[in-house]
Amino acid sequence: MSHFSSSDAPAVTIPLLQQWARDGRRLVVTTAYDAITARLADPVVDMILVGDSVGNVCLGFDNTLPISMTMMNHHLEAVARTRPRALLVADMPYLSYHLSLEDTLRNAGGFLQRGAKAVKLEGGGKRLATIRALVDCEIPVMGHLGLTPQSVHAMGGFKVQGRGAEDALQILEDAHRLQEAGCFALVLEGVPAELAARVTETLSIPTIGIGAGPHCSGQVLVLHDVLGLTQGHRPKFVRTYVDGFDLLQQALALGRGCALRRLSVCCRILCPAG
């Protein structure tokens, strides 16, 4: 069994991440929502995202909209306590950056105070003033275009974006505007591979794809999907490398059997006549 160790690896910083992308090194990103998943991921990835996808994956919600700052702070703190070497980014949940710049700066600054090195928020041109304000306060921002889950109702569901020429041009334009506003990297979710390739080749910042084809600077996947821990429908682009759900159920069943046998032995010792 191989064992990864990050003890000698340098901490991943934003400049280092950007240099790797310029050098052509593929960036590896995954989610983590607690200490155990952070410890699993940290030795083998470049960036850990404490995503608002925790709502779907861990908390039983149908989408990310119910996630609050309180919930996100709870999960971020658990991950940050492991002191990961990977760059730690936290998702700004729905309504945490929509109401006022004061609220936005307080929420994002709170993430940094809790151990995040950067924040991620969804949206294009309408987010430019917000991004500039965050960057002016030394809060690094990762953008997110394409299929933006917090806009699921406006989009009419989880659908691929940018298929039409007009929509594709809008995403390309928004990508450049987010870069100009100060984003250090950009997530491209649920867009055609050709569009993701065009965005990537015309930006100077890294692109991180999820369901966006093979041509981005790096890829991000939900850790629970990769490990086969999620049940039900999985997006087509998700690859599972182990059936973790069934394996864990089998382990629990073995443990239950051992526990029942031990209980039976104890009962015979304590009550030999029975």
Protein backbone atom coordinates (compact mmCIF):
# COMPACT_ATOMS: atom_id res chain seq x y z
CA MET A 1 0.00 0.00 0.00
CA SER A 2 1.43 3.39 -1.00
CA HIS A 3 1.53 6.13 1.58
CA PHE A 4 1.63 9.80 0.67
CA SER A 5 3.33 12.32 2.91
CA SER A 6 3.23 16.09 2.62
CA SER A 7 5.65 16.75 5.48
CA ASP A 8 8.47 17.83 3.13
CA ALA A 9 6.30 19.52 0.51
CA PRO A 10 6.12 23.33 0.45
CA ALA A 11 2.85 25.04 1.23
CA VAL A 12 0.94 25.81 -1.95
CA THR A 13 0.55 29.56 -2.43
CA ILE A 14 -1.34 31.49 -5.07
CA PRO A 15 1.84 32.61 -6.90
CA LEU A 16 3.14 29.02 -6.85
CA LEU A 17 -0.16 27.70 -8.21
CA GLN A 18 -0.12 30.26 -11.01
CA GLN A 19 3.49 29.44 -11.86
CA TRP A 20 2.67 25.74 -12.08
CA ALA A 21 -0.14 26.54 -14.50
CA ARG A 22 2.19 28.65 -16.66
CA ASP A 23 4.71 25.80 -16.66
CA GLY A 24 2.03 23.43 -17.92
CA ARG A 25 1.69 21.42 -14.74
CA ARG A 26 -1.85 20.13 -14.32
CA LEU A 27 -3.51 21.33 -11.12
CA VAL A 28 -5.41 18.89 -8.93
CA VAL A 29 -8.27 20.16 -6.79
CA THR A 30 -10.80 18.39 -4.60
CA THR A 31 -13.33 19.19 -1.93
CA ALA A 32 -13.05 18.46 1.78
CA TYR A 33 -15.62 19.18 4.45
CA ASP A 34 -14.03 17.92 7.68
CA ALA A 35 -10.71 16.91 9.21
CA ILE A 36 -10.67 13.32 7.97
CA THR A 37 -11.39 14.21 4.33
CA ALA A 38 -8.83 17.03 4.52
CA ARG A 39 -6.16 14.61 5.77
CA LEU A 40 -7.05 12.17 2.98
CA ALA A 41 -6.82 14.82 0.28
CA ASP A 42 -3.98 17.08 1.38
CA PRO A 43 -0.98 14.91 0.43
CA VAL A 44 -2.22 14.34 -3.12
CA VAL A 45 -3.87 17.60 -4.26
CA ASP A 46 -2.77 21.18 -4.88
CA MET A 47 -5.92 22.90 -3.66
CA ILE A 48 -8.66 21.98 -1.19
CA LEU A 49 -12.07 23.59 -1.65
CA VAL A 50 -14.43 23.71 1.30
CA GLY A 51 -17.40 23.85 -1.04
CA ASP A 52 -21.00 24.76 -0.39
CA SER A 53 -21.58 21.39 -2.08
CA VAL A 54 -21.41 20.16 1.51
CA GLY A 55 -25.14 20.80 1.41
CA ASN A 56 -25.75 18.10 -1.22
CA VAL A 57 -22.98 15.74 -0.21
CA CYS A 58 -23.11 15.72 3.58
CA LEU A 59 -26.21 17.54 4.82
CA GLY A 60 -28.97 16.03 2.69
CA PHE A 61 -30.12 19.14 0.81
CA ASP A 62 -31.22 19.04 -2.83
CA ASN A 63 -28.99 21.99 -3.75
CA THR A 64 -26.55 24.47 -2.22
CA LEU A 65 -29.02 27.28 -1.51
CA PRO A 66 -29.80 26.40 2.15
CA ILE A 67 -26.14 26.60 3.19
CA SER A 68 -25.40 29.45 5.60
CA MET A 69 -22.23 31.20 6.73
CA THR A 70 -22.57 29.43 10.07
CA MET A 71 -22.53 26.04 8.34
CA MET A 72 -19.61 27.01 6.11
CA ASN A 73 -17.59 28.37 9.04
CA HIS A 74 -18.15 25.12 10.93
CA HIS A 75 -16.79 22.97 8.07
CA LEU A 76 -13.98 25.38 7.18
CA GLU A 77 -12.70 25.39 10.77
CA ALA A 78 -12.63 21.58 10.81
CA VAL A 79 -10.54 21.47 7.63
CA ALA A 80 -8.27 24.34 8.69
CA ARG A 81 -7.37 22.60 11.96
CA THR A 82 -5.45 20.01 9.93
CA ARG A 83 -3.15 22.79 8.66
CA PRO A 84 -3.15 21.57 5.04
CA ARG A 85 -0.21 22.34 2.76
CA ALA A 86 -2.65 22.54 -0.15
CA LEU A 87 -4.12 25.96 -0.89
CA LEU A 88 -7.31 26.19 1.18
CA VAL A 89 -10.24 27.94 -0.53
CA ALA A 90 -13.72 28.43 0.93
CA ASP A 91 -16.97 28.86 -0.99
CA MET A 92 -19.02 31.98 -0.32
CA PRO A 93 -22.55 30.57 0.17
CA TYR A 94 -25.77 31.99 -1.23
CA LEU A 95 -26.65 35.47 0.13
CA SER A 96 -23.24 35.88 1.79
CA TYR A 97 -22.06 38.27 -0.95
CA HIS A 98 -25.32 39.47 -2.51
CA LEU A 99 -26.70 42.03 -0.07
CA SER A 100 -24.01 44.60 0.71
CA LEU A 101 -20.26 45.08 0.39
CA GLU A 102 -20.02 45.41 4.16
CA ASP A 103 -21.58 41.98 4.68
CA THR A 104 -19.45 40.52 1.89
CA LEU A 105 -16.18 41.83 3.34
CA ARG A 106 -17.13 40.66 6.83
CA ASN A 107 -18.05 37.18 5.63
CA ALA A 108 -15.02 36.74 3.38
CA GLY A 109 -12.65 38.22 5.94
CA GLY A 110 -14.05 35.81 8.50
CA PHE A 111 -13.11 32.93 6.22
CA LEU A 112 -9.49 34.13 6.13
CA GLN A 113 -9.48 34.56 9.91
CA ARG A 114 -10.59 30.93 10.19
CA GLY A 115 -7.75 29.63 8.04
CA ALA A 116 -8.83 29.95 4.40
CA LYS A 117 -6.26 31.42 2.02
CA ALA A 118 -8.87 32.54 -0.53
CA VAL A 119 -12.60 32.60 -1.23
CA LYS A 120 -14.64 31.50 -4.23
CA LEU A 121 -17.82 33.12 -5.49
CA GLU A 122 -20.13 32.52 -8.43
CA GLY A 123 -21.15 34.84 -11.25
CA GLY A 124 -19.95 37.04 -14.06
CA GLY A 125 -20.18 40.74 -14.80
CA LYS A 126 -22.53 41.60 -11.94
CA ARG A 127 -19.87 40.43 -9.45
CA LEU A 128 -17.09 42.76 -10.64
CA ALA A 129 -17.57 45.45 -7.98
CA THR A 130 -17.70 42.77 -5.29
CA ILE A 131 -14.52 41.10 -6.51
CA ARG A 132 -12.65 44.41 -6.73
CA ALA A 133 -13.68 45.32 -3.19
CA LEU A 134 -12.48 41.95 -1.86
CA VAL A 135 -9.17 42.15 -3.72
CA ASP A 136 -8.67 45.72 -2.46
CA CYS A 137 -8.95 44.29 1.06
CA GLU A 138 -6.26 41.67 0.30
CA ILE A 139 -8.79 38.86 0.08
CA PRO A 140 -7.86 36.57 -2.85
CA VAL A 141 -10.84 35.59 -5.00
CA MET A 142 -11.45 32.63 -7.27
CA GLY A 143 -14.22 33.14 -9.82
CA HIS A 144 -16.79 30.62 -11.01
CA LEU A 145 -18.54 30.69 -14.40
CA GLY A 146 -20.73 28.39 -16.47
CA LEU A 147 -23.05 26.20 -14.46
CA THR A 148 -23.26 28.12 -11.20
CA PRO A 149 -25.22 25.96 -8.72
CA GLN A 150 -26.50 28.92 -6.70
CA SER A 151 -28.37 30.01 -9.87
CA VAL A 152 -30.00 26.61 -10.35
CA HIS A 153 -33.55 27.99 -10.43
CA ALA A 154 -32.73 30.86 -12.78
CA MET A 155 -31.01 28.37 -15.12
CA GLY A 156 -33.92 25.95 -14.97
CA GLY A 157 -31.85 23.15 -13.46
CA PHE A 158 -28.32 21.81 -13.61
CA LYS A 159 -27.73 22.28 -17.34
CA VAL A 160 -24.64 22.72 -19.48
CA GLN A 161 -24.05 26.42 -20.18
CA GLY A 162 -22.49 28.16 -23.18
CA ARG A 163 -23.72 25.85 -25.92
CA GLY A 164 -25.09 28.70 -28.03
CA ALA A 165 -22.75 31.20 -29.67
CA GLU A 166 -24.15 34.17 -27.76
CA ASP A 167 -23.93 32.43 -24.38
CA ALA A 168 -20.43 31.19 -25.14
CA LEU A 169 -19.25 34.70 -26.02
CA GLN A 170 -20.77 35.99 -22.78
CA ILE A 171 -18.87 33.42 -20.71
CA LEU A 172 -15.64 34.25 -22.55
CA GLU A 173 -16.18 37.97 -21.96
CA ASP A 174 -17.05 37.41 -18.30
CA ALA A 175 -13.91 35.32 -17.84
CA HIS A 176 -11.73 38.19 -19.03
CA ARG A 177 -13.62 40.69 -16.89
CA LEU A 178 -13.16 38.52 -13.79
CA GLN A 179 -9.45 38.28 -14.51
CA GLU A 180 -9.23 42.05 -14.89
CA ALA A 181 -11.13 42.52 -11.63
CA GLY A 182 -8.41 40.55 -9.83
CA CYS A 183 -9.45 36.90 -9.66
CA PHE A 184 -6.38 34.67 -9.25
CA ALA A 185 -8.08 31.64 -10.85
CA LEU A 186 -11.37 30.65 -12.39
CA VAL A 187 -13.63 27.60 -12.08
CA LEU A 188 -15.38 26.60 -15.31
CA GLU A 189 -18.28 24.26 -14.59
CA GLY A 190 -20.58 22.55 -17.03
CA VAL A 191 -19.43 24.21 -20.25
CA PRO A 192 -18.46 22.64 -23.62
CA ALA A 193 -14.84 21.52 -23.84
CA GLU A 194 -14.17 23.80 -26.81
CA LEU A 195 -15.32 26.85 -24.87
CA ALA A 196 -13.25 25.88 -21.82
CA ALA A 197 -10.21 25.47 -24.07
CA ARG A 198 -10.76 28.92 -25.58
CA VAL A 199 -11.15 30.55 -22.17
CA THR A 200 -8.04 28.79 -20.88
CA GLU A 201 -5.81 29.73 -23.80
CA THR A 202 -6.81 33.42 -23.69
CA LEU A 203 -6.47 33.96 -19.93
CA SER A 204 -3.27 34.41 -17.96
CA ILE A 205 -4.79 32.94 -14.77
CA PRO A 206 -5.41 29.21 -14.20
CA THR A 207 -8.75 27.64 -15.09
CA ILE A 208 -10.11 24.76 -13.02
CA GLY A 209 -12.63 22.62 -14.85
CA ILE A 210 -15.49 20.52 -13.59
CA GLY A 211 -17.46 18.93 -16.39
CA ALA A 212 -15.64 21.26 -18.79
CA GLY A 213 -13.44 18.89 -20.78
CA PRO A 214 -9.71 18.14 -20.59
CA HIS A 215 -8.20 21.46 -21.64
CA CYS A 216 -8.37 23.51 -18.43
CA SER A 217 -5.31 24.17 -16.28
CA GLY A 218 -6.63 21.70 -13.73
CA GLN A 219 -9.65 19.71 -12.60
CA VAL A 220 -11.79 19.74 -9.47
CA LEU A 221 -14.00 16.90 -8.29
CA VAL A 222 -16.03 16.25 -5.17
CA LEU A 223 -13.99 13.87 -3.03
CA HIS A 224 -17.04 11.80 -2.08
CA ASP A 225 -17.82 11.24 -5.78
CA VAL A 226 -14.27 10.11 -6.54
CA LEU A 227 -14.38 7.64 -3.65
CA GLY A 228 -17.80 6.29 -4.63
CA LEU A 229 -19.45 7.44 -1.42
CA THR A 230 -22.39 9.23 -3.02
CA GLN A 231 -25.54 7.37 -3.98
CA GLY A 232 -27.99 7.98 -6.78
CA HIS A 233 -27.33 10.04 -9.89
CA ARG A 234 -23.76 11.08 -10.61
CA PRO A 235 -22.80 13.56 -13.34
CA LYS A 236 -21.43 11.95 -16.51
CA PHE A 237 -17.99 13.52 -16.05
CA VAL A 238 -17.49 11.96 -12.59
CA ARG A 239 -15.10 9.02 -12.42
CA THR A 240 -15.22 6.79 -9.37
CA TYR A 241 -12.09 4.80 -8.58
CA VAL A 242 -13.48 2.69 -5.75
CA ASP A 243 -16.97 1.70 -4.63
CA GLY A 244 -16.48 3.25 -1.23
CA PHE A 245 -20.12 3.09 -0.14
CA ASP A 246 -20.38 -0.68 -0.59
CA LEU A 247 -16.92 -1.27 0.90
CA LEU A 248 -17.78 0.66 4.03
CA GLN A 249 -21.12 -1.11 4.38
CA GLN A 250 -19.33 -4.45 4.10
CA ALA A 251 -16.83 -3.39 6.77
CA LEU A 252 -19.66 -2.33 9.07
CA ALA A 253 -21.44 -5.63 8.48
CA LEU A 254 -18.27 -7.54 9.42
CA GLY A 255 -17.92 -5.39 12.51
CA ARG A 256 -21.53 -6.02 13.44
CA GLY A 257 -21.00 -9.77 13.07
CA CYS A 258 -17.93 -9.67 15.33
CA ALA A 259 -19.78 -7.61 17.90
CA LEU A 260 -22.72 -10.04 17.97
CA ARG A 261 -20.39 -13.03 18.38
CA ARG A 262 -18.59 -11.34 21.27
CA LEU A 263 -21.93 -10.51 22.86
CA SER A 264 -22.99 -14.14 22.56
CA VAL A 265 -19.75 -15.32 24.25
CA CYS A 266 -20.20 -12.81 27.08
CA CYS A 267 -23.79 -13.97 27.63
CA ARG A 268 -22.69 -17.63 27.87
CA ILE A 269 -20.01 -16.70 30.43
CA LEU A 270 -22.32 -14.54 32.53
CA CYS A 271 -25.34 -16.81 32.23
CA PRO A 272 -24.01 -20.35 31.69
CA ALA A 273 -27.33 -21.94 32.53
CA GLY A 274 -29.21 -19.81 30.02
